[in-house]
Amino acid sequence: MTTILVTGGTGTLGRLVTERLRADGHEVRVLSRHTQPYAVDLRRGGGALDAALAGVGTVVHCATTQTGGDEKAARHLVEAARRAGVEHLVYISIVGVDRVPLPYYRTKFAVERLIEESGLGWTVLRATQFHDLPVMMFRALAKLPVLLLPAGVRDQPVEVAEVAERLAELAAGAPAGRVEDMGGPEIRTFESLARAWLKATGRRRPVVGVPLFGRTYRAFRDGGHLAPEQATGKGTFEEYLKRA
């Protein structure tokens, strides 16, 4: 059976991908910046990355950072994967990276293109945001006496374990190119999600929608990050809140 390397394998998504692959009987290597024996900073590359990829047939690339460097990391990974003879590179991206001009989204889209042009067999899955992202946003905003939200914006959160299951399935198969997007089961207004979170956590805050400006806000308001035709996820936001 093919040895599979999971980058970012200790993160929220990568950890679950690793667990699923191992449960299915695959030999899995976990690559992260601080976890031995494959402690590698992809932004630096080097011999440790080559050693981690030796004998690997498939790579699932989950590693990412909001602080920059994803393109450089992907370039190092692709170059090392070529040297190692990797046959399949699976990448997790985000729905709307080609439509929403958020800098992080633009970076993810650039990584997609780099992988597509790598000469490797590749698969790219775009998913909507995980349930924990709006929760993190609400926690930060709830520090004020009024919960101020971007007016007119909706979201389609998806269960991270379901995305992990899909990635593991793709990693076990042949390169498939850009596969169908994966979205959560419901498209909800931010206000609806915020009120559900307030109720679940016992908080009381007035919720007020605030109109914003700029291309990024318009793209979110217009639903550029949503996948209404691919609402294949099962776990709802309320179900997530019960476990959180």
C-alpha atoms as a PDB file:
ATOM      1  CA  MET A   1       0.000   0.000   0.000  1.00  0.00           C
ATOM      2  CA  THR A   2       1.270   3.496  -0.863  1.00  0.00           C
ATOM      3  CA  THR A   3       2.995   5.502   1.857  1.00  0.00           C
ATOM      4  CA  ILE A   4       1.159   8.808   2.352  1.00  0.00           C
ATOM      5  CA  LEU A   5       2.649  12.021   3.755  1.00  0.00           C
ATOM      6  CA  VAL A   6       0.264  14.532   5.364  1.00  0.00           C
ATOM      7  CA  THR A   7       1.633  18.066   5.670  1.00  0.00           C
ATOM      8  CA  GLY A   8       0.198  20.001   8.580  1.00  0.00           C
ATOM      9  CA  GLY A   9      -0.641  16.606  10.021  1.00  0.00           C
ATOM     10  CA  THR A  10      -1.016  17.895  13.585  1.00  0.00           C
ATOM     11  CA  GLY A  11      -3.491  20.643  12.657  1.00  0.00           C
ATOM     12  CA  THR A  12      -7.271  20.681  12.907  1.00  0.00           C
ATOM     13  CA  LEU A  13      -7.791  19.075   9.507  1.00  0.00           C
ATOM     14  CA  GLY A  14      -4.508  17.223   9.026  1.00  0.00           C
ATOM     15  CA  ARG A  15      -4.836  15.324  12.295  1.00  0.00           C
ATOM     16  CA  LEU A  16      -8.221  13.943  11.257  1.00  0.00           C
ATOM     17  CA  VAL A  17      -6.972  13.068   7.771  1.00  0.00           C
ATOM     18  CA  THR A  18      -4.081  11.178   9.343  1.00  0.00           C
ATOM     19  CA  GLU A  19      -6.371   9.286  11.709  1.00  0.00           C
ATOM     20  CA  ARG A  20      -8.712   8.294   8.887  1.00  0.00           C
ATOM     21  CA  LEU A  21      -5.903   7.123   6.604  1.00  0.00           C
ATOM     22  CA  ARG A  22      -4.327   5.038   9.351  1.00  0.00           C
ATOM     23  CA  ALA A  23      -7.698   3.546  10.250  1.00  0.00           C
ATOM     24  CA  ASP A  24      -7.981   2.483   6.611  1.00  0.00           C
ATOM     25  CA  GLY A  25      -4.640   0.690   6.869  1.00  0.00           C
ATOM     26  CA  HIS A  26      -2.331   3.179   5.155  1.00  0.00           C
ATOM     27  CA  GLU A  27       1.200   3.921   6.280  1.00  0.00           C
ATOM     28  CA  VAL A  28       1.152   7.631   7.071  1.00  0.00           C
ATOM     29  CA  ARG A  29       3.932  10.110   7.795  1.00  0.00           C
ATOM     30  CA  VAL A  30       3.047  13.334   9.592  1.00  0.00           C
ATOM     31  CA  LEU A  31       4.979  16.418   8.584  1.00  0.00           C
ATOM     32  CA  SER A  32       4.804  19.553  10.706  1.00  0.00           C
ATOM     33  CA  ARG A  33       7.240  22.172  11.911  1.00  0.00           C
ATOM     34  CA  HIS A  34       7.747  20.698  15.378  1.00  0.00           C
ATOM     35  CA  THR A  35       6.828  17.002  15.264  1.00  0.00           C
ATOM     36  CA  GLN A  36       9.553  14.397  14.938  1.00  0.00           C
ATOM     37  CA  PRO A  37      10.716  12.462  13.017  1.00  0.00           C
ATOM     38  CA  TYR A  38       9.518  14.690  10.147  1.00  0.00           C
ATOM     39  CA  ALA A  39       9.858  18.158  11.646  1.00  0.00           C
ATOM     40  CA  VAL A  40      10.092  20.418   8.604  1.00  0.00           C
ATOM     41  CA  ASP A  41       9.293  24.063   7.941  1.00  0.00           C
ATOM     42  CA  LEU A  42       8.065  23.911   4.346  1.00  0.00           C
ATOM     43  CA  ARG A  43       8.912  27.559   3.875  1.00  0.00           C
ATOM     44  CA  ARG A  44      12.580  26.599   4.221  1.00  0.00           C
ATOM     45  CA  GLY A  45      12.569  23.197   2.520  1.00  0.00           C
ATOM     46  CA  GLY A  46      15.947  21.481   2.529  1.00  0.00           C
ATOM     47  CA  GLY A  47      17.261  18.011   3.146  1.00  0.00           C
ATOM     48  CA  ALA A  48      14.805  17.200   5.914  1.00  0.00           C
ATOM     49  CA  LEU A  49      11.954  17.612   3.424  1.00  0.00           C
ATOM     50  CA  ASP A  50      13.675  15.289   0.954  1.00  0.00           C
ATOM     51  CA  ALA A  51      14.074  12.706   3.724  1.00  0.00           C
ATOM     52  CA  ALA A  52      10.409  12.980   4.678  1.00  0.00           C
ATOM     53  CA  LEU A  53       9.350  12.358   1.069  1.00  0.00           C
ATOM     54  CA  ALA A  54      11.662   9.435   0.394  1.00  0.00           C
ATOM     55  CA  GLY A  55       9.523   6.458  -0.603  1.00  0.00           C
ATOM     56  CA  VAL A  56       6.258   8.440  -0.457  1.00  0.00           C
ATOM     57  CA  GLY A  57       3.712   7.863  -3.217  1.00  0.00           C
ATOM     58  CA  THR A  58       1.015  10.373  -2.205  1.00  0.00           C
ATOM     59  CA  VAL A  59       1.094  13.726  -0.395  1.00  0.00           C
ATOM     60  CA  VAL A  60      -1.933  15.372   1.221  1.00  0.00           C
ATOM     61  CA  HIS A  61      -1.065  19.055   1.582  1.00  0.00           C
ATOM     62  CA  CYS A  62      -2.994  20.518   4.531  1.00  0.00           C
ATOM     63  CA  ALA A  63      -0.286  22.819   5.921  1.00  0.00           C
ATOM     64  CA  THR A  64      -1.139  26.508   5.723  1.00  0.00           C
ATOM     65  CA  THR A  65      -0.549  29.734   7.600  1.00  0.00           C
ATOM     66  CA  GLN A  66      -2.338  33.061   7.763  1.00  0.00           C
ATOM     67  CA  THR A  67       1.006  34.847   8.256  1.00  0.00           C
ATOM     68  CA  GLY A  68       2.334  34.300   4.736  1.00  0.00           C
ATOM     69  CA  GLY A  69       4.664  31.915   2.998  1.00  0.00           C
ATOM     70  CA  ASP A  70       2.192  29.384   1.580  1.00  0.00           C
ATOM     71  CA  GLU A  71       3.377  29.879  -1.997  1.00  0.00           C
ATOM     72  CA  LYS A  72       7.010  29.408  -1.051  1.00  0.00           C
ATOM     73  CA  ALA A  73       6.101  26.338   1.015  1.00  0.00           C
ATOM     74  CA  ALA A  74       4.141  24.824  -1.877  1.00  0.00           C
ATOM     75  CA  ARG A  75       6.987  25.489  -4.285  1.00  0.00           C
ATOM     76  CA  HIS A  76       9.444  23.688  -2.007  1.00  0.00           C
ATOM     77  CA  LEU A  77       7.005  20.808  -1.582  1.00  0.00           C
ATOM     78  CA  VAL A  78       6.417  20.435  -5.321  1.00  0.00           C
ATOM     79  CA  GLU A  79      10.127  20.529  -6.136  1.00  0.00           C
ATOM     80  CA  ALA A  80      10.934  17.943  -3.469  1.00  0.00           C
ATOM     81  CA  ALA A  81       7.970  15.788  -4.547  1.00  0.00           C
ATOM     82  CA  ARG A  82       9.311  15.746  -8.101  1.00  0.00           C
ATOM     83  CA  ARG A  83      12.737  14.662  -6.887  1.00  0.00           C
ATOM     84  CA  ALA A  84      11.169  11.918  -4.768  1.00  0.00           C
ATOM     85  CA  GLY A  85       8.988  10.584  -7.582  1.00  0.00           C
ATOM     86  CA  VAL A  86       5.699  11.309  -5.783  1.00  0.00           C
ATOM     87  CA  GLU A  87       2.785  10.219  -7.956  1.00  0.00           C
ATOM     88  CA  HIS A  88      -0.132  12.105  -6.403  1.00  0.00           C
ATOM     89  CA  LEU A  89      -0.417  15.471  -4.638  1.00  0.00           C
ATOM     90  CA  VAL A  90      -3.766  16.229  -2.964  1.00  0.00           C
ATOM     91  CA  TYR A  91      -4.457  19.833  -1.933  1.00  0.00           C
ATOM     92  CA  ILE A  92      -7.220  21.284   0.226  1.00  0.00           C
ATOM     93  CA  SER A  93      -8.346  24.721  -0.902  1.00  0.00           C
ATOM     94  CA  ILE A  94     -11.296  27.013  -0.198  1.00  0.00           C
ATOM     95  CA  VAL A  95     -14.489  27.675  -2.142  1.00  0.00           C
ATOM     96  CA  GLY A  96     -14.259  31.140  -3.673  1.00  0.00           C
ATOM     97  CA  VAL A  97     -10.488  31.549  -3.907  1.00  0.00           C
ATOM     98  CA  ASP A  98     -10.973  32.610  -7.525  1.00  0.00           C
ATOM     99  CA  ARG A  99     -13.809  35.024  -6.725  1.00  0.00           C
ATOM    100  CA  VAL A 100     -13.064  36.674  -3.375  1.00  0.00           C
ATOM    101  CA  PRO A 101     -10.096  39.114  -3.445  1.00  0.00           C
ATOM    102  CA  LEU A 102      -9.026  38.380   0.135  1.00  0.00           C
ATOM    103  CA  PRO A 103      -5.202  38.139   0.259  1.00  0.00           C
ATOM    104  CA  TYR A 104      -5.277  34.703   1.906  1.00  0.00           C
ATOM    105  CA  TYR A 105      -7.704  33.444  -0.754  1.00  0.00           C
ATOM    106  CA  ARG A 106      -5.489  34.800  -3.517  1.00  0.00           C
ATOM    107  CA  THR A 107      -2.573  32.891  -2.028  1.00  0.00           C
ATOM    108  CA  LYS A 108      -4.578  29.656  -1.936  1.00  0.00           C
ATOM    109  CA  PHE A 109      -5.536  30.178  -5.579  1.00  0.00           C
ATOM    110  CA  ALA A 110      -1.901  30.756  -6.505  1.00  0.00           C
ATOM    111  CA  VAL A 111      -0.965  27.494  -4.785  1.00  0.00           C
ATOM    112  CA  GLU A 112      -3.692  25.722  -6.761  1.00  0.00           C
ATOM    113  CA  ARG A 113      -2.161  26.961 -10.008  1.00  0.00           C
ATOM    114  CA  LEU A 114       1.325  25.977  -8.906  1.00  0.00           C
ATOM    115  CA  ILE A 115       0.144  22.442  -8.184  1.00  0.00           C
ATOM    116  CA  GLU A 116      -1.773  22.197 -11.453  1.00  0.00           C
ATOM    117  CA  GLU A 117       1.365  23.194 -13.365  1.00  0.00           C
ATOM    118  CA  SER A 118       3.721  21.004 -11.307  1.00  0.00           C
ATOM    119  CA  GLY A 119       3.846  18.054 -13.657  1.00  0.00           C
ATOM    120  CA  LEU A 120       2.730  15.805 -10.797  1.00  0.00           C
ATOM    121  CA  GLY A 121      -0.540  13.915 -10.653  1.00  0.00           C
ATOM    122  CA  TRP A 122      -2.810  16.169  -8.628  1.00  0.00           C
ATOM    123  CA  THR A 123      -6.194  16.523  -6.983  1.00  0.00           C
ATOM    124  CA  VAL A 124      -7.664  19.762  -5.575  1.00  0.00           C
ATOM    125  CA  LEU A 125     -10.678  19.882  -3.273  1.00  0.00           C
ATOM    126  CA  ARG A 126     -12.245  23.204  -2.351  1.00  0.00           C
ATOM    127  CA  ALA A 127     -14.382  23.281   0.793  1.00  0.00           C
ATOM    128  CA  THR A 128     -16.392  25.982   2.505  1.00  0.00           C
ATOM    129  CA  GLN A 129     -15.235  27.254   5.892  1.00  0.00           C
ATOM    130  CA  PHE A 130     -15.173  24.930   8.897  1.00  0.00           C
ATOM    131  CA  HIS A 131     -17.630  25.475  11.751  1.00  0.00           C
ATOM    132  CA  ASP A 132     -14.951  26.803  14.080  1.00  0.00           C
ATOM    133  CA  LEU A 133     -14.223  29.865  11.920  1.00  0.00           C
ATOM    134  CA  PRO A 134     -17.484  31.767  12.609  1.00  0.00           C
ATOM    135  CA  VAL A 135     -17.200  30.700  16.247  1.00  0.00           C
ATOM    136  CA  MET A 136     -13.736  32.270  16.497  1.00  0.00           C
ATOM    137  CA  MET A 137     -15.092  35.417  14.877  1.00  0.00           C
ATOM    138  CA  PHE A 138     -18.068  35.592  17.238  1.00  0.00           C
ATOM    139  CA  ARG A 139     -15.831  35.109  20.288  1.00  0.00           C
ATOM    140  CA  ALA A 140     -13.700  38.050  19.228  1.00  0.00           C
ATOM    141  CA  LEU A 141     -16.663  40.277  18.404  1.00  0.00           C
ATOM    142  CA  ALA A 142     -18.503  39.380  21.623  1.00  0.00           C
ATOM    143  CA  LYS A 143     -15.896  41.256  23.647  1.00  0.00           C
ATOM    144  CA  LEU A 144     -17.951  44.347  22.822  1.00  0.00           C
ATOM    145  CA  PRO A 145     -21.408  44.949  24.356  1.00  0.00           C
ATOM    146  CA  VAL A 146     -22.949  44.758  20.856  1.00  0.00           C
ATOM    147  CA  LEU A 147     -22.223  41.983  18.338  1.00  0.00           C
ATOM    148  CA  LEU A 148     -21.455  43.878  15.118  1.00  0.00           C
ATOM    149  CA  LEU A 149     -21.607  41.732  11.968  1.00  0.00           C
ATOM    150  CA  PRO A 150     -21.046  42.488   8.277  1.00  0.00           C
ATOM    151  CA  ALA A 151     -24.533  43.138   6.922  1.00  0.00           C
ATOM    152  CA  GLY A 152     -25.965  40.874   4.244  1.00  0.00           C
ATOM    153  CA  VAL A 153     -23.262  38.196   4.449  1.00  0.00           C
ATOM    154  CA  ARG A 154     -24.103  34.502   4.568  1.00  0.00           C
ATOM    155  CA  ASP A 155     -21.967  31.464   5.319  1.00  0.00           C
ATOM    156  CA  GLN A 156     -22.061  27.717   4.644  1.00  0.00           C
ATOM    157  CA  PRO A 157     -19.968  26.085   7.386  1.00  0.00           C
ATOM    158  CA  VAL A 158     -18.958  22.457   6.948  1.00  0.00           C
ATOM    159  CA  GLU A 159     -17.922  19.764   9.434  1.00  0.00           C
ATOM    160  CA  VAL A 160     -14.126  19.380   9.385  1.00  0.00           C
ATOM    161  CA  ALA A 161     -14.320  15.615   9.982  1.00  0.00           C
ATOM    162  CA  GLU A 162     -16.372  15.240   6.808  1.00  0.00           C
ATOM    163  CA  VAL A 163     -13.787  17.157   4.800  1.00  0.00           C
ATOM    164  CA  ALA A 164     -11.066  14.962   6.304  1.00  0.00           C
ATOM    165  CA  GLU A 165     -12.976  11.861   5.255  1.00  0.00           C
ATOM    166  CA  ARG A 166     -13.282  13.163   1.697  1.00  0.00           C
ATOM    167  CA  LEU A 167      -9.570  14.039   1.541  1.00  0.00           C
ATOM    168  CA  ALA A 168      -8.615  10.574   2.766  1.00  0.00           C
ATOM    169  CA  GLU A 169     -10.848   9.060   0.101  1.00  0.00           C
ATOM    170  CA  LEU A 170      -9.207  11.190  -2.600  1.00  0.00           C
ATOM    171  CA  ALA A 171      -5.715  10.364  -1.336  1.00  0.00           C
ATOM    172  CA  ALA A 172      -6.431   6.653  -1.645  1.00  0.00           C
ATOM    173  CA  GLY A 173      -7.500   7.067  -5.259  1.00  0.00           C
ATOM    174  CA  ALA A 174      -5.891   8.180  -8.495  1.00  0.00           C
ATOM    175  CA  PRO A 175      -5.206  11.850  -9.352  1.00  0.00           C
ATOM    176  CA  ALA A 176      -8.546  13.430 -10.262  1.00  0.00           C
ATOM    177  CA  GLY A 177      -7.744  17.086 -10.978  1.00  0.00           C
ATOM    178  CA  ARG A 178     -10.193  19.670  -9.625  1.00  0.00           C
ATOM    179  CA  VAL A 179     -12.968  17.672  -7.970  1.00  0.00           C
ATOM    180  CA  GLU A 180     -16.437  18.892  -7.026  1.00  0.00           C
ATOM    181  CA  ASP A 181     -16.492  21.476  -4.251  1.00  0.00           C
ATOM    182  CA  MET A 182     -17.687  20.470  -0.801  1.00  0.00           C
ATOM    183  CA  GLY A 183     -20.068  22.728   1.101  1.00  0.00           C
ATOM    184  CA  GLY A 184     -21.879  22.552   4.406  1.00  0.00           C
ATOM    185  CA  PRO A 185     -25.544  21.480   4.525  1.00  0.00           C
ATOM    186  CA  GLU A 186     -26.997  24.950   5.151  1.00  0.00           C
ATOM    187  CA  ILE A 187     -26.463  28.460   3.865  1.00  0.00           C
ATOM    188  CA  ARG A 188     -27.133  30.751   6.807  1.00  0.00           C
ATOM    189  CA  THR A 189     -26.949  34.460   7.478  1.00  0.00           C
ATOM    190  CA  PHE A 190     -24.204  35.540   9.855  1.00  0.00           C
ATOM    191  CA  GLU A 191     -26.966  36.846  12.110  1.00  0.00           C
ATOM    192  CA  SER A 192     -28.577  33.403  12.285  1.00  0.00           C
ATOM    193  CA  LEU A 193     -25.257  31.727  13.098  1.00  0.00           C
ATOM    194  CA  ALA A 194     -24.428  34.374  15.687  1.00  0.00           C
ATOM    195  CA  ARG A 195     -27.762  34.000  17.456  1.00  0.00           C
ATOM    196  CA  ALA A 196     -27.330  30.216  17.542  1.00  0.00           C
ATOM    197  CA  TRP A 197     -23.873  30.674  19.073  1.00  0.00           C
ATOM    198  CA  LEU A 198     -25.124  33.203  21.639  1.00  0.00           C
ATOM    199  CA  LYS A 199     -27.896  30.824  22.699  1.00  0.00           C
ATOM    200  CA  ALA A 200     -25.550  27.829  22.932  1.00  0.00           C
ATOM    201  CA  THR A 201     -23.022  29.744  25.056  1.00  0.00           C
ATOM    202  CA  GLY A 202     -25.523  31.553  27.259  1.00  0.00           C
ATOM    203  CA  ARG A 203     -24.398  34.990  26.157  1.00  0.00           C
ATOM    204  CA  ARG A 204     -26.657  37.989  25.665  1.00  0.00           C
ATOM    205  CA  ARG A 205     -25.732  40.558  23.043  1.00  0.00           C
ATOM    206  CA  PRO A 206     -27.704  42.728  20.631  1.00  0.00           C
ATOM    207  CA  VAL A 207     -26.830  41.673  17.077  1.00  0.00           C
ATOM    208  CA  VAL A 208     -26.416  44.502  14.570  1.00  0.00           C
ATOM    209  CA  GLY A 209     -25.558  44.236  10.867  1.00  0.00           C
ATOM    210  CA  VAL A 210     -23.100  46.863   9.671  1.00  0.00           C
ATOM    211  CA  PRO A 211     -22.717  47.651   5.940  1.00  0.00           C
ATOM    212  CA  LEU A 212     -19.070  47.618   4.886  1.00  0.00           C
ATOM    213  CA  PHE A 213     -17.226  48.722   1.767  1.00  0.00           C
ATOM    214  CA  GLY A 214     -14.729  47.355  -0.692  1.00  0.00           C
ATOM    215  CA  ARG A 215     -14.389  44.532  -3.209  1.00  0.00           C
ATOM    216  CA  THR A 216     -13.807  41.807  -0.636  1.00  0.00           C
ATOM    217  CA  TYR A 217     -16.964  42.668   1.299  1.00  0.00           C
ATOM    218  CA  ARG A 218     -18.996  42.800  -1.921  1.00  0.00           C
ATOM    219  CA  ALA A 219     -17.653  39.391  -2.970  1.00  0.00           C
ATOM    220  CA  PHE A 220     -18.664  37.848   0.366  1.00  0.00           C
ATOM    221  CA  ARG A 221     -22.029  39.599   0.300  1.00  0.00           C
ATOM    222  CA  ASP A 222     -22.610  38.253  -3.218  1.00  0.00           C
ATOM    223  CA  GLY A 223     -21.871  34.706  -2.064  1.00  0.00           C
ATOM    224  CA  GLY A 224     -18.575  34.173  -3.842  1.00  0.00           C
ATOM    225  CA  HIS A 225     -17.486  31.851  -1.016  1.00  0.00           C
ATOM    226  CA  LEU A 226     -20.609  29.657  -1.125  1.00  0.00           C
ATOM    227  CA  ALA A 227     -21.290  26.359  -2.902  1.00  0.00           C
ATOM    228  CA  PRO A 228     -25.092  26.056  -2.994  1.00  0.00           C
ATOM    229  CA  GLU A 229     -25.005  23.293  -5.607  1.00  0.00           C
ATOM    230  CA  GLN A 230     -22.517  21.234  -3.560  1.00  0.00           C
ATOM    231  CA  ALA A 231     -24.167  21.254  -0.126  1.00  0.00           C
ATOM    232  CA  THR A 232     -22.995  17.692   0.508  1.00  0.00           C
ATOM    233  CA  GLY A 233     -21.994  18.082   4.166  1.00  0.00           C
ATOM    234  CA  LYS A 234     -24.237  16.581   6.827  1.00  0.00           C
ATOM    235  CA  GLY A 235     -23.238  18.102  10.170  1.00  0.00           C
ATOM    236  CA  THR A 236     -25.062  21.320  11.043  1.00  0.00           C
ATOM    237  CA  PHE A 237     -23.796  24.325  12.966  1.00  0.00           C
ATOM    238  CA  GLU A 238     -26.081  23.551  15.910  1.00  0.00           C
ATOM    239  CA  GLU A 239     -24.742  19.998  16.088  1.00  0.00           C
ATOM    240  CA  TYR A 240     -21.205  21.396  16.157  1.00  0.00           C
ATOM    241  CA  LEU A 241     -22.131  23.809  18.959  1.00  0.00           C
ATOM    242  CA  LYS A 242     -23.444  20.935  21.086  1.00  0.00           C
ATOM    243  CA  ARG A 243     -20.012  19.290  20.949  1.00  0.00           C
ATOM    244  CA  ALA A 244     -17.893  22.434  21.222  1.00  0.00           C
END
